[in-house]
Amino acid sequence: MYRKFVNARSPMRLLEKGLHGGLGVGNLGACVAGHGVGKSSFLVGVAIDELLRGGTVLHVVLDQTVSHVRDYYDTVYLALAESTHLDEPIAIHAEIDNQRRIRSYRRDHFSASKLSDALKVEAEAGVRPSLIVIDGLEASQLTGDDLAGIRALAHDLAAEVWFTLDADGAPVLPAALSGVEDLISVVVTLEAKGDEITLRAIKDHENEDLQDLHVGLDPRTLLLVRS
């Protein structure tokens, strides 16, 4: 199957439709769930979708190695290529690897200023990401200034930013973000229900009509699937 058809049939199109058009450039989106439910897989799925569309991705990971993240991308991509019978998978794999950058930080050393520094380095190399994903943030370490700084970077780049947050108990926006939640445009949760992992929107820009997203994660491959 040609990549344009794979992309057109991607569950991300359903997610965008359910979110009244998607996250949108210059905006922050949060994926909230308990530990081990699939937040990292969600980010990698969003990133691979953007890469297959010809975009450029900066993947920021906290307290993990670059090689671990790269191996995870390879695993998810190979599962996607096999399940969709993607044409020329080796050539496409090499192309999207070239369009993706991975940066690793210690969790207690990451900040909006560190992200800004990384983006300056990438810009000097001629790379301007259309999507930034940040995996491993903790709500307690996020300040309003950090969120505002990251959002300003997204606006300046005309990029989307997705990040993950651990949920203690019910998958809701952590109380530590009370007062700065307006800086986050979209919040989705991942919930394990039996053998299914479903996505649910708990914030969709200013829309009060929160639609059913009809998207989840395959519990075997952790790829985004139509639910």
N, C-alpha and C. Protein backbone atom coordinates (compact mmCIF):
# COMPACT_ATOMS: atom_id res chain seq x y z
N MET A 1 0.85 -1.19 0.00
CA MET A 1 0.00 0.00 0.00
C MET A 1 0.89 1.24 0.00
N TYR A 2 0.53 2.23 -0.80
CA TYR A 2 1.31 3.46 -0.85
C TYR A 2 1.14 4.27 0.43
N ARG A 3 2.20 5.00 0.80
CA ARG A 3 2.19 5.72 2.07
C ARG A 3 1.06 6.73 2.16
N LYS A 4 0.67 7.36 1.04
CA LYS A 4 -0.40 8.35 1.10
C LYS A 4 -1.72 7.70 1.49
N PHE A 5 -1.94 6.43 1.09
CA PHE A 5 -3.16 5.73 1.47
C PHE A 5 -3.09 5.27 2.92
N VAL A 6 -1.88 4.84 3.34
CA VAL A 6 -1.69 4.47 4.74
C VAL A 6 -1.99 5.68 5.62
N ASN A 7 -1.49 6.83 5.22
CA ASN A 7 -1.70 8.04 6.00
C ASN A 7 -3.15 8.48 6.00
N ALA A 8 -3.81 8.37 4.84
CA ALA A 8 -5.21 8.77 4.74
C ALA A 8 -6.11 7.90 5.61
N ARG A 9 -5.71 6.63 5.79
CA ARG A 9 -6.51 5.69 6.58
C ARG A 9 -6.05 5.61 8.03
N SER A 10 -5.08 6.45 8.39
CA SER A 10 -4.55 6.41 9.74
C SER A 10 -5.62 6.77 10.78
N PRO A 11 -5.58 6.10 11.94
CA PRO A 11 -6.50 6.48 13.03
C PRO A 11 -6.33 7.92 13.45
N MET A 12 -5.19 8.55 13.12
CA MET A 12 -5.01 9.96 13.46
C MET A 12 -6.04 10.84 12.78
N ARG A 13 -6.53 10.42 11.60
CA ARG A 13 -7.55 11.23 10.92
C ARG A 13 -8.85 11.21 11.74
N LEU A 14 -9.15 10.07 12.38
CA LEU A 14 -10.33 10.01 13.24
C LEU A 14 -10.12 10.85 14.50
N LEU A 15 -8.90 10.82 15.02
CA LEU A 15 -8.60 11.62 16.20
C LEU A 15 -8.75 13.10 15.88
N GLU A 16 -8.23 13.52 14.73
CA GLU A 16 -8.35 14.92 14.32
C GLU A 16 -9.82 15.31 14.13
N LYS A 17 -10.59 14.41 13.54
CA LYS A 17 -12.01 14.71 13.34
C LYS A 17 -12.73 14.84 14.67
N GLY A 18 -12.42 13.94 15.60
CA GLY A 18 -13.06 14.00 16.92
C GLY A 18 -12.67 15.23 17.70
N LEU A 19 -11.48 15.77 17.40
CA LEU A 19 -11.01 16.97 18.09
C LEU A 19 -11.32 18.25 17.30
N HIS A 20 -12.38 18.20 16.50
CA HIS A 20 -12.78 19.36 15.73
C HIS A 20 -11.64 19.91 14.89
N GLY A 21 -10.84 19.01 14.30
CA GLY A 21 -9.78 19.43 13.41
C GLY A 21 -8.38 19.13 13.91
N GLY A 22 -8.24 18.65 15.12
CA GLY A 22 -6.94 18.28 15.63
C GLY A 22 -6.37 19.30 16.59
N LEU A 23 -5.10 19.14 16.93
CA LEU A 23 -4.46 20.02 17.90
C LEU A 23 -4.22 21.41 17.31
N GLY A 24 -3.61 21.48 16.14
CA GLY A 24 -3.37 22.77 15.49
C GLY A 24 -2.01 23.34 15.85
N VAL A 25 -1.40 24.03 14.88
CA VAL A 25 -0.05 24.59 15.09
C VAL A 25 -0.08 25.66 16.16
N GLY A 26 1.01 25.71 16.92
CA GLY A 26 1.12 26.68 17.99
C GLY A 26 0.46 26.27 19.28
N ASN A 27 -0.09 25.05 19.33
CA ASN A 27 -0.84 24.61 20.49
C ASN A 27 -0.16 23.46 21.22
N LEU A 28 -0.51 23.31 22.51
CA LEU A 28 -0.02 22.23 23.34
C LEU A 28 -1.12 21.21 23.56
N GLY A 29 -0.76 19.93 23.44
CA GLY A 29 -1.69 18.84 23.73
C GLY A 29 -1.08 17.91 24.76
N ALA A 30 -1.88 17.46 25.71
CA ALA A 30 -1.41 16.56 26.76
C ALA A 30 -2.10 15.22 26.65
N CYS A 31 -1.33 14.14 26.81
CA CYS A 31 -1.87 12.79 26.91
C CYS A 31 -1.66 12.33 28.35
N VAL A 32 -2.75 12.09 29.06
CA VAL A 32 -2.71 11.79 30.49
C VAL A 32 -3.17 10.36 30.73
N ALA A 33 -2.39 9.61 31.48
CA ALA A 33 -2.77 8.22 31.79
C ALA A 33 -1.89 7.71 32.92
N GLY A 34 -2.28 6.58 33.46
CA GLY A 34 -1.48 5.94 34.49
C GLY A 34 -0.21 5.34 33.91
N HIS A 35 0.68 4.94 34.79
CA HIS A 35 1.96 4.38 34.37
C HIS A 35 1.75 3.08 33.59
N GLY A 36 2.42 2.98 32.43
CA GLY A 36 2.40 1.75 31.67
C GLY A 36 1.19 1.53 30.79
N VAL A 37 0.29 2.52 30.68
CA VAL A 37 -0.92 2.33 29.89
C VAL A 37 -0.67 2.52 28.39
N GLY A 38 0.29 3.36 28.01
CA GLY A 38 0.57 3.52 26.59
C GLY A 38 0.82 4.94 26.14
N LYS A 39 1.20 5.82 27.06
CA LYS A 39 1.42 7.23 26.69
C LYS A 39 2.56 7.37 25.69
N SER A 40 3.67 6.65 25.92
CA SER A 40 4.80 6.73 24.99
C SER A 40 4.41 6.22 23.62
N SER A 41 3.62 5.16 23.58
CA SER A 41 3.16 4.61 22.30
C SER A 41 2.28 5.60 21.57
N PHE A 42 1.45 6.32 22.30
CA PHE A 42 0.62 7.35 21.69
C PHE A 42 1.50 8.40 21.01
N LEU A 43 2.52 8.88 21.72
CA LEU A 43 3.40 9.90 21.16
C LEU A 43 4.12 9.39 19.92
N VAL A 44 4.63 8.16 19.98
CA VAL A 44 5.34 7.61 18.82
C VAL A 44 4.39 7.45 17.64
N GLY A 45 3.14 7.04 17.91
CA GLY A 45 2.16 6.93 16.83
C GLY A 45 1.86 8.26 16.18
N VAL A 46 1.71 9.31 17.00
CA VAL A 46 1.49 10.66 16.47
C VAL A 46 2.70 11.11 15.65
N ALA A 47 3.90 10.81 16.16
CA ALA A 47 5.12 11.22 15.47
C ALA A 47 5.29 10.50 14.14
N ILE A 48 5.07 9.20 14.11
CA ILE A 48 5.22 8.45 12.85
C ILE A 48 4.21 8.93 11.82
N ASP A 49 3.00 9.24 12.26
CA ASP A 49 2.00 9.77 11.34
C ASP A 49 2.50 11.07 10.72
N GLU A 50 3.07 11.96 11.53
CA GLU A 50 3.59 13.23 11.02
C GLU A 50 4.76 12.99 10.07
N LEU A 51 5.62 12.05 10.40
CA LEU A 51 6.76 11.73 9.54
C LEU A 51 6.31 11.19 8.19
N LEU A 52 5.29 10.34 8.19
CA LEU A 52 4.78 9.79 6.94
C LEU A 52 4.11 10.86 6.08
N ARG A 53 3.71 11.95 6.71
CA ARG A 53 3.11 13.07 5.96
C ARG A 53 4.19 14.03 5.45
N GLY A 54 5.45 13.72 5.72
CA GLY A 54 6.53 14.56 5.26
C GLY A 54 6.98 15.60 6.26
N GLY A 55 6.45 15.55 7.48
CA GLY A 55 6.84 16.50 8.50
C GLY A 55 8.16 16.13 9.16
N THR A 56 8.62 17.00 10.04
CA THR A 56 9.85 16.79 10.79
C THR A 56 9.53 16.78 12.28
N VAL A 57 10.10 15.83 13.00
CA VAL A 57 9.75 15.62 14.41
C VAL A 57 10.97 15.77 15.30
N LEU A 58 10.80 16.51 16.41
CA LEU A 58 11.78 16.52 17.49
C LEU A 58 11.15 15.75 18.65
N HIS A 59 11.77 14.64 19.02
CA HIS A 59 11.28 13.81 20.12
C HIS A 59 12.18 14.04 21.33
N VAL A 60 11.60 14.60 22.38
CA VAL A 60 12.32 14.85 23.63
C VAL A 60 11.90 13.79 24.63
N VAL A 61 12.87 13.11 25.23
CA VAL A 61 12.57 12.05 26.19
C VAL A 61 13.32 12.34 27.48
N LEU A 62 12.68 12.09 28.60
CA LEU A 62 13.27 12.33 29.91
C LEU A 62 13.56 11.01 30.59
N ASP A 63 14.79 10.89 31.09
CA ASP A 63 15.24 9.71 31.84
C ASP A 63 15.20 8.42 31.02
N GLN A 64 15.40 8.52 29.71
CA GLN A 64 15.59 7.36 28.86
C GLN A 64 16.70 7.66 27.87
N THR A 65 17.25 6.63 27.27
CA THR A 65 18.34 6.84 26.32
C THR A 65 17.80 7.06 24.91
N VAL A 66 18.61 7.72 24.09
CA VAL A 66 18.24 7.93 22.69
C VAL A 66 18.09 6.60 21.97
N SER A 67 19.00 5.66 22.24
CA SER A 67 18.94 4.36 21.56
C SER A 67 17.67 3.60 21.92
N HIS A 68 17.21 3.72 23.15
CA HIS A 68 15.95 3.06 23.55
C HIS A 68 14.77 3.61 22.76
N VAL A 69 14.73 4.93 22.63
CA VAL A 69 13.63 5.55 21.88
C VAL A 69 13.71 5.18 20.41
N ARG A 70 14.91 5.19 19.84
CA ARG A 70 15.08 4.83 18.43
C ARG A 70 14.61 3.39 18.19
N ASP A 71 14.97 2.48 19.09
CA ASP A 71 14.54 1.08 18.95
C ASP A 71 13.02 0.97 19.03
N TYR A 72 12.40 1.79 19.88
CA TYR A 72 10.94 1.76 20.01
C TYR A 72 10.28 2.23 18.71
N TYR A 73 10.82 3.29 18.11
CA TYR A 73 10.31 3.75 16.82
C TYR A 73 10.41 2.63 15.79
N ASP A 74 11.55 1.95 15.76
CA ASP A 74 11.74 0.88 14.79
C ASP A 74 10.69 -0.21 14.97
N THR A 75 10.43 -0.58 16.23
CA THR A 75 9.45 -1.62 16.52
C THR A 75 8.06 -1.21 16.05
N VAL A 76 7.66 0.02 16.38
CA VAL A 76 6.32 0.49 16.00
C VAL A 76 6.21 0.63 14.48
N TYR A 77 7.26 1.18 13.85
CA TYR A 77 7.22 1.35 12.40
C TYR A 77 7.13 0.01 11.69
N LEU A 78 7.91 -0.97 12.10
CA LEU A 78 7.89 -2.27 11.44
C LEU A 78 6.53 -2.95 11.60
N ALA A 79 5.91 -2.80 12.77
CA ALA A 79 4.57 -3.35 12.97
C ALA A 79 3.56 -2.66 12.05
N LEU A 80 3.69 -1.34 11.92
CA LEU A 80 2.80 -0.59 11.04
C LEU A 80 3.00 -1.00 9.58
N ALA A 81 4.26 -1.08 9.15
CA ALA A 81 4.56 -1.44 7.76
C ALA A 81 4.02 -2.82 7.43
N GLU A 82 4.14 -3.75 8.38
CA GLU A 82 3.65 -5.12 8.14
C GLU A 82 2.13 -5.16 8.11
N SER A 83 1.49 -4.47 9.04
CA SER A 83 0.02 -4.55 9.13
C SER A 83 -0.67 -3.83 7.97
N THR A 84 0.00 -2.84 7.37
CA THR A 84 -0.59 -2.08 6.26
C THR A 84 -0.03 -2.48 4.90
N HIS A 85 0.93 -3.42 4.90
CA HIS A 85 1.58 -3.84 3.65
C HIS A 85 2.14 -2.63 2.91
N LEU A 86 2.86 -1.80 3.66
CA LEU A 86 3.41 -0.56 3.12
C LEU A 86 4.43 -0.86 2.03
N ASP A 87 4.30 -0.17 0.90
CA ASP A 87 5.26 -0.32 -0.19
C ASP A 87 6.59 0.33 0.18
N GLU A 88 7.67 -0.26 -0.26
CA GLU A 88 9.03 0.25 -0.06
C GLU A 88 9.30 0.62 1.40
N PRO A 89 9.07 -0.32 2.33
CA PRO A 89 9.21 0.01 3.75
C PRO A 89 10.64 0.38 4.16
N ILE A 90 11.65 -0.21 3.53
CA ILE A 90 13.03 0.08 3.92
C ILE A 90 13.40 1.51 3.53
N ALA A 91 13.04 1.92 2.31
CA ALA A 91 13.34 3.27 1.85
C ALA A 91 12.60 4.31 2.69
N ILE A 92 11.33 4.04 2.99
CA ILE A 92 10.54 4.98 3.79
C ILE A 92 11.09 5.06 5.20
N HIS A 93 11.52 3.92 5.75
CA HIS A 93 12.11 3.90 7.08
C HIS A 93 13.33 4.81 7.14
N ALA A 94 14.20 4.71 6.14
CA ALA A 94 15.39 5.55 6.11
C ALA A 94 15.02 7.02 5.99
N GLU A 95 13.99 7.31 5.22
CA GLU A 95 13.56 8.71 5.03
C GLU A 95 13.04 9.31 6.32
N ILE A 96 12.17 8.58 7.02
CA ILE A 96 11.59 9.16 8.23
C ILE A 96 12.61 9.22 9.36
N ASP A 97 13.59 8.31 9.36
CA ASP A 97 14.68 8.42 10.34
C ASP A 97 15.42 9.73 10.16
N ASN A 98 15.59 10.15 8.92
CA ASN A 98 16.31 11.38 8.61
C ASN A 98 15.50 12.62 8.99
N GLN A 99 14.18 12.46 9.09
CA GLN A 99 13.30 13.59 9.43
C GLN A 99 13.04 13.71 10.92
N ARG A 100 13.62 12.80 11.71
CA ARG A 100 13.34 12.78 13.15
C ARG A 100 14.61 13.01 13.94
N ARG A 101 14.50 13.84 14.98
CA ARG A 101 15.59 14.06 15.91
C ARG A 101 15.14 13.61 17.29
N ILE A 102 16.05 13.01 18.06
CA ILE A 102 15.74 12.56 19.42
C ILE A 102 16.73 13.22 20.37
N ARG A 103 16.23 13.83 21.43
CA ARG A 103 17.08 14.42 22.46
C ARG A 103 16.65 13.90 23.83
N SER A 104 17.63 13.51 24.62
CA SER A 104 17.37 12.94 25.94
C SER A 104 17.90 13.88 27.03
N TYR A 105 17.09 14.02 28.09
CA TYR A 105 17.48 14.85 29.24
C TYR A 105 17.16 14.11 30.53
N ARG A 106 17.89 14.44 31.57
CA ARG A 106 17.43 14.04 32.89
C ARG A 106 16.19 14.85 33.22
N ARG A 107 15.24 14.20 33.88
CA ARG A 107 13.96 14.87 34.14
C ARG A 107 14.16 16.17 34.91
N ASP A 108 15.07 16.16 35.87
CA ASP A 108 15.25 17.36 36.69
C ASP A 108 16.10 18.43 36.01
N HIS A 109 16.56 18.15 34.79
CA HIS A 109 17.35 19.14 34.05
C HIS A 109 16.60 19.75 32.87
N PHE A 110 15.37 19.29 32.64
CA PHE A 110 14.65 19.78 31.48
C PHE A 110 13.85 21.03 31.82
N SER A 111 13.78 21.94 30.85
CA SER A 111 12.99 23.17 31.01
C SER A 111 12.69 23.73 29.63
N ALA A 112 11.85 24.75 29.59
CA ALA A 112 11.55 25.40 28.32
C ALA A 112 12.80 26.01 27.71
N SER A 113 13.70 26.52 28.54
CA SER A 113 14.93 27.11 28.02
C SER A 113 15.83 26.06 27.40
N LYS A 114 15.85 24.85 27.99
CA LYS A 114 16.64 23.77 27.40
C LYS A 114 16.07 23.37 26.04
N LEU A 115 14.74 23.34 25.94
CA LEU A 115 14.11 23.04 24.67
C LEU A 115 14.44 24.12 23.64
N SER A 116 14.42 25.37 24.08
CA SER A 116 14.76 26.47 23.18
C SER A 116 16.19 26.33 22.66
N ASP A 117 17.11 25.95 23.56
CA ASP A 117 18.50 25.75 23.15
C ASP A 117 18.62 24.63 22.11
N ALA A 118 17.88 23.55 22.34
CA ALA A 118 17.91 22.42 21.40
C ALA A 118 17.38 22.83 20.04
N LEU A 119 16.34 23.64 20.03
CA LEU A 119 15.74 24.08 18.76
C LEU A 119 16.70 25.00 18.01
N LYS A 120 17.48 25.79 18.74
CA LYS A 120 18.47 26.65 18.08
C LYS A 120 19.54 25.82 17.40
N VAL A 121 19.97 24.74 18.08
CA VAL A 121 20.97 23.85 17.49
C VAL A 121 20.42 23.18 16.24
N GLU A 122 19.17 22.72 16.32
CA GLU A 122 18.55 22.08 15.15
C GLU A 122 18.40 23.08 14.01
N ALA A 123 18.04 24.33 14.34
CA ALA A 123 17.88 25.35 13.30
C ALA A 123 19.19 25.61 12.58
N GLU A 124 20.30 25.59 13.33
CA GLU A 124 21.60 25.79 12.71
C GLU A 124 21.94 24.67 11.73
N ALA A 125 21.34 23.49 11.97
CA ALA A 125 21.55 22.34 11.07
C ALA A 125 20.49 22.30 9.97
N GLY A 126 19.64 23.33 9.91
CA GLY A 126 18.62 23.40 8.87
C GLY A 126 17.36 22.62 9.17
N VAL A 127 17.16 22.25 10.45
CA VAL A 127 15.99 21.45 10.84
C VAL A 127 15.00 22.34 11.58
N ARG A 128 13.76 22.32 11.13
CA ARG A 128 12.68 23.09 11.76
C ARG A 128 11.51 22.14 12.00
N PRO A 129 11.35 21.62 13.21
CA PRO A 129 10.32 20.60 13.44
C PRO A 129 8.90 21.14 13.27
N SER A 130 8.07 20.32 12.66
CA SER A 130 6.64 20.63 12.57
C SER A 130 5.87 20.02 13.74
N LEU A 131 6.52 19.09 14.45
CA LEU A 131 5.92 18.45 15.62
C LEU A 131 7.00 18.24 16.66
N ILE A 132 6.68 18.58 17.91
CA ILE A 132 7.55 18.29 19.04
C ILE A 132 6.78 17.40 20.01
N VAL A 133 7.37 16.29 20.40
CA VAL A 133 6.75 15.43 21.41
C VAL A 133 7.70 15.35 22.60
N ILE A 134 7.12 15.42 23.80
CA ILE A 134 7.92 15.42 25.03
C ILE A 134 7.37 14.31 25.93
N ASP A 135 8.20 13.31 26.17
CA ASP A 135 7.76 12.13 26.92
C ASP A 135 8.43 12.07 28.28
N GLY A 136 7.61 12.01 29.33
CA GLY A 136 8.16 11.81 30.67
C GLY A 136 8.04 12.99 31.60
N LEU A 137 7.28 14.02 31.22
CA LEU A 137 7.11 15.17 32.11
C LEU A 137 6.29 14.79 33.34
N GLU A 138 6.58 15.45 34.44
CA GLU A 138 5.78 15.32 35.65
C GLU A 138 5.11 16.65 35.93
N ALA A 139 3.84 16.59 36.30
CA ALA A 139 3.10 17.83 36.51
C ALA A 139 3.75 18.70 37.58
N SER A 140 4.36 18.07 38.58
CA SER A 140 4.95 18.83 39.67
C SER A 140 6.14 19.66 39.22
N GLN A 141 6.77 19.29 38.10
CA GLN A 141 7.93 20.04 37.63
C GLN A 141 7.55 21.12 36.62
N LEU A 142 6.30 21.13 36.18
CA LEU A 142 5.87 22.10 35.18
C LEU A 142 5.38 23.38 35.85
N THR A 143 5.94 24.48 35.46
CA THR A 143 5.47 25.77 35.95
C THR A 143 4.69 26.46 34.83
N GLY A 144 3.93 27.47 35.21
CA GLY A 144 3.23 28.24 34.21
C GLY A 144 4.19 28.88 33.22
N ASP A 145 5.36 29.31 33.73
CA ASP A 145 6.36 29.91 32.85
C ASP A 145 6.88 28.90 31.83
N ASP A 146 7.10 27.65 32.29
CA ASP A 146 7.57 26.62 31.37
C ASP A 146 6.54 26.34 30.28
N LEU A 147 5.28 26.16 30.69
CA LEU A 147 4.24 25.90 29.71
C LEU A 147 4.09 27.06 28.74
N ALA A 148 4.14 28.28 29.27
CA ALA A 148 4.03 29.46 28.40
C ALA A 148 5.22 29.53 27.46
N GLY A 149 6.40 29.17 27.95
CA GLY A 149 7.59 29.18 27.10
C GLY A 149 7.53 28.15 25.99
N ILE A 150 7.06 26.95 26.33
CA ILE A 150 6.94 25.90 25.33
C ILE A 150 5.88 26.27 24.30
N ARG A 151 4.79 26.86 24.77
CA ARG A 151 3.75 27.27 23.83
C ARG A 151 4.25 28.38 22.90
N ALA A 152 5.04 29.30 23.43
CA ALA A 152 5.61 30.37 22.60
C ALA A 152 6.53 29.79 21.53
N LEU A 153 7.31 28.76 21.90
CA LEU A 153 8.17 28.11 20.92
C LEU A 153 7.33 27.44 19.83
N ALA A 154 6.25 26.79 20.24
CA ALA A 154 5.37 26.16 19.26
C ALA A 154 4.79 27.18 18.30
N HIS A 155 4.39 28.32 18.84
CA HIS A 155 3.83 29.38 18.01
C HIS A 155 4.87 29.91 17.03
N ASP A 156 6.08 30.15 17.52
CA ASP A 156 7.14 30.70 16.66
C ASP A 156 7.50 29.74 15.53
N LEU A 157 7.45 28.43 15.82
CA LEU A 157 7.81 27.42 14.83
C LEU A 157 6.64 27.03 13.93
N ALA A 158 5.43 27.45 14.31
CA ALA A 158 4.21 26.95 13.66
C ALA A 158 4.19 25.42 13.76
N ALA A 159 4.48 24.93 14.98
CA ALA A 159 4.53 23.49 15.24
C ALA A 159 3.47 23.11 16.26
N GLU A 160 3.14 21.83 16.29
CA GLU A 160 2.31 21.26 17.34
C GLU A 160 3.22 20.65 18.40
N VAL A 161 2.76 20.67 19.66
CA VAL A 161 3.51 20.04 20.75
C VAL A 161 2.57 19.11 21.52
N TRP A 162 2.95 17.84 21.59
CA TRP A 162 2.25 16.87 22.43
C TRP A 162 3.19 16.44 23.54
N PHE A 163 2.67 16.31 24.76
CA PHE A 163 3.49 15.81 25.86
C PHE A 163 2.64 14.87 26.73
N THR A 164 3.34 14.04 27.51
CA THR A 164 2.65 13.08 28.36
C THR A 164 2.74 13.51 29.82
N LEU A 165 1.73 13.09 30.58
CA LEU A 165 1.71 13.31 32.02
C LEU A 165 1.16 12.06 32.69
N ASP A 166 1.79 11.66 33.79
CA ASP A 166 1.26 10.54 34.58
C ASP A 166 0.05 10.99 35.37
N ALA A 167 -0.94 10.11 35.46
CA ALA A 167 -2.13 10.38 36.25
C ALA A 167 -2.11 9.50 37.49
N ASP A 168 -2.33 10.11 38.63
CA ASP A 168 -2.45 9.34 39.87
C ASP A 168 -3.93 9.06 40.09
N GLY A 169 -4.31 7.81 39.84
CA GLY A 169 -5.72 7.46 39.97
C GLY A 169 -6.46 7.74 38.68
N ALA A 170 -7.56 8.48 38.77
CA ALA A 170 -8.39 8.75 37.60
C ALA A 170 -7.62 9.58 36.59
N PRO A 171 -7.77 9.25 35.28
CA PRO A 171 -7.04 9.99 34.24
C PRO A 171 -7.66 11.37 33.99
N VAL A 172 -7.24 12.33 34.78
CA VAL A 172 -7.68 13.71 34.63
C VAL A 172 -6.44 14.59 34.67
N LEU A 173 -6.59 15.84 34.25
CA LEU A 173 -5.46 16.76 34.29
C LEU A 173 -5.03 16.94 35.74
N PRO A 174 -3.74 16.70 36.05
CA PRO A 174 -3.29 16.75 37.44
C PRO A 174 -3.59 18.07 38.12
N ALA A 175 -3.87 18.00 39.42
CA ALA A 175 -4.20 19.19 40.19
C ALA A 175 -3.06 20.20 40.20
N ALA A 176 -1.83 19.70 40.03
CA ALA A 176 -0.67 20.60 40.03
C ALA A 176 -0.73 21.62 38.90
N LEU A 177 -1.54 21.35 37.87
CA LEU A 177 -1.64 22.27 36.74
C LEU A 177 -2.83 23.22 36.88
N SER A 178 -3.50 23.16 38.02
CA SER A 178 -4.62 24.07 38.24
C SER A 178 -4.13 25.51 38.15
N GLY A 179 -4.82 26.29 37.33
CA GLY A 179 -4.45 27.68 37.15
C GLY A 179 -3.68 27.95 35.88
N VAL A 180 -3.09 26.88 35.30
CA VAL A 180 -2.35 27.08 34.04
C VAL A 180 -2.91 26.18 32.94
N GLU A 181 -4.05 25.54 33.21
CA GLU A 181 -4.60 24.61 32.23
C GLU A 181 -5.03 25.30 30.94
N ASP A 182 -5.26 26.62 31.01
CA ASP A 182 -5.66 27.34 29.80
C ASP A 182 -4.55 27.37 28.75
N LEU A 183 -3.30 27.10 29.17
CA LEU A 183 -2.19 27.06 28.23
C LEU A 183 -2.18 25.77 27.41
N ILE A 184 -2.96 24.79 27.83
CA ILE A 184 -3.04 23.50 27.14
C ILE A 184 -4.34 23.46 26.35
N SER A 185 -4.23 23.28 25.04
CA SER A 185 -5.41 23.36 24.18
C SER A 185 -6.23 22.08 24.16
N VAL A 186 -5.54 20.94 24.20
CA VAL A 186 -6.21 19.64 24.09
C VAL A 186 -5.66 18.70 25.16
N VAL A 187 -6.56 17.98 25.81
CA VAL A 187 -6.15 16.94 26.76
C VAL A 187 -6.89 15.66 26.41
N VAL A 188 -6.13 14.59 26.16
CA VAL A 188 -6.73 13.28 25.94
C VAL A 188 -6.24 12.33 27.02
N THR A 189 -7.07 11.36 27.35
CA THR A 189 -6.69 10.37 28.35
C THR A 189 -6.67 8.99 27.70
N LEU A 190 -5.85 8.12 28.26
CA LEU A 190 -5.82 6.71 27.88
C LEU A 190 -6.34 5.91 29.06
N GLU A 191 -7.33 5.05 28.78
CA GLU A 191 -7.92 4.26 29.85
C GLU A 191 -7.96 2.79 29.44
N ALA A 192 -7.43 1.93 30.31
CA ALA A 192 -7.46 0.49 30.07
C ALA A 192 -8.79 -0.06 30.57
N LYS A 193 -9.53 -0.68 29.66
CA LYS A 193 -10.81 -1.30 30.00
C LYS A 193 -10.79 -2.73 29.48
N GLY A 194 -10.48 -3.66 30.37
CA GLY A 194 -10.36 -5.04 29.93
C GLY A 194 -9.19 -5.19 28.98
N ASP A 195 -9.47 -5.69 27.78
CA ASP A 195 -8.43 -5.89 26.78
C ASP A 195 -8.29 -4.69 25.85
N GLU A 196 -8.96 -3.58 26.16
CA GLU A 196 -8.92 -2.42 25.29
C GLU A 196 -8.29 -1.23 25.99
N ILE A 197 -7.61 -0.40 25.20
CA ILE A 197 -7.08 0.87 25.69
C ILE A 197 -7.72 1.96 24.84
N THR A 198 -8.56 2.76 25.44
CA THR A 198 -9.33 3.74 24.69
C THR A 198 -8.84 5.15 24.95
N LEU A 199 -9.00 6.00 23.94
CA LEU A 199 -8.70 7.43 24.08
C LEU A 199 -9.99 8.18 24.33
N ARG A 200 -9.90 9.18 25.20
CA ARG A 200 -11.06 10.03 25.47
C ARG A 200 -10.57 11.46 25.59
N ALA A 201 -11.30 12.39 25.00
CA ALA A 201 -10.95 13.81 25.12
C ALA A 201 -11.63 14.39 26.35
N ILE A 202 -10.84 15.05 27.20
CA ILE A 202 -11.45 15.75 28.33
C ILE A 202 -11.30 17.27 28.17
N LYS A 203 -10.56 17.68 27.13
CA LYS A 203 -10.52 19.09 26.74
C LYS A 203 -10.25 19.16 25.26
N ASP A 204 -11.02 19.97 24.55
CA ASP A 204 -10.87 20.13 23.10
C ASP A 204 -11.00 21.61 22.77
N HIS A 205 -9.87 22.33 22.93
CA HIS A 205 -9.87 23.78 22.71
C HIS A 205 -10.98 24.40 23.57
N GLU A 206 -11.83 25.18 22.97
CA GLU A 206 -12.93 25.80 23.72
C GLU A 206 -14.25 25.09 23.48
N ASN A 207 -14.20 23.96 22.80
CA ASN A 207 -15.43 23.23 22.47
C ASN A 207 -15.97 22.50 23.68
N GLU A 208 -17.22 22.72 23.98
CA GLU A 208 -17.86 22.02 25.09
C GLU A 208 -18.42 20.67 24.65
N ASP A 209 -18.60 20.50 23.35
CA ASP A 209 -19.10 19.24 22.80
C ASP A 209 -17.92 18.30 22.59
N LEU A 210 -17.65 17.45 23.58
CA LEU A 210 -16.53 16.51 23.50
C LEU A 210 -17.00 15.24 22.80
N GLN A 211 -16.57 15.09 21.57
CA GLN A 211 -17.03 13.98 20.74
C GLN A 211 -16.30 12.69 21.08
N ASP A 212 -16.95 11.57 20.74
CA ASP A 212 -16.31 10.26 20.85
C ASP A 212 -15.20 10.19 19.82
N LEU A 213 -13.97 9.85 20.25
CA LEU A 213 -12.83 9.88 19.34
C LEU A 213 -12.75 8.66 18.44
N HIS A 214 -13.36 7.54 18.83
CA HIS A 214 -13.34 6.31 18.04
C HIS A 214 -11.91 5.85 17.74
N VAL A 215 -11.01 6.10 18.67
CA VAL A 215 -9.61 5.71 18.51
C VAL A 215 -9.12 5.10 19.81
N GLY A 216 -8.27 4.10 19.69
CA GLY A 216 -7.66 3.49 20.87
C GLY A 216 -6.29 2.94 20.51
N LEU A 217 -5.73 2.17 21.43
CA LEU A 217 -4.45 1.51 21.18
C LEU A 217 -4.68 0.01 21.12
N ASP A 218 -4.06 -0.62 20.15
CA ASP A 218 -4.09 -2.08 20.07
C ASP A 218 -3.29 -2.62 21.26
N PRO A 219 -3.89 -3.45 22.13
CA PRO A 219 -3.18 -3.92 23.32
C PRO A 219 -2.00 -4.83 23.01
N ARG A 220 -1.94 -5.37 21.78
CA ARG A 220 -0.82 -6.25 21.41
C ARG A 220 0.34 -5.45 20.85
N THR A 221 0.05 -4.53 19.93
CA THR A 221 1.12 -3.77 19.29
C THR A 221 1.27 -2.36 19.84
N LEU A 222 0.24 -1.87 20.57
CA LEU A 222 0.18 -0.51 21.08
C LEU A 222 0.22 0.53 19.96
N LEU A 223 -0.20 0.11 18.76
CA LEU A 223 -0.39 1.05 17.66
C LEU A 223 -1.77 1.70 17.79
N LEU A 224 -1.88 2.94 17.31
CA LEU A 224 -3.19 3.57 17.25
C LEU A 224 -4.07 2.78 16.29
N VAL A 225 -5.31 2.51 16.71
CA VAL A 225 -6.24 1.75 15.89
C VAL A 225 -7.62 2.39 15.97
N ARG A 226 -8.45 2.03 15.01
CA ARG A 226 -9.85 2.45 15.05
C ARG A 226 -10.57 1.58 16.06
N SER A 227 -11.31 2.21 16.97
CA SER A 227 -11.98 1.45 18.00
C SER A 227 -13.47 1.29 17.70
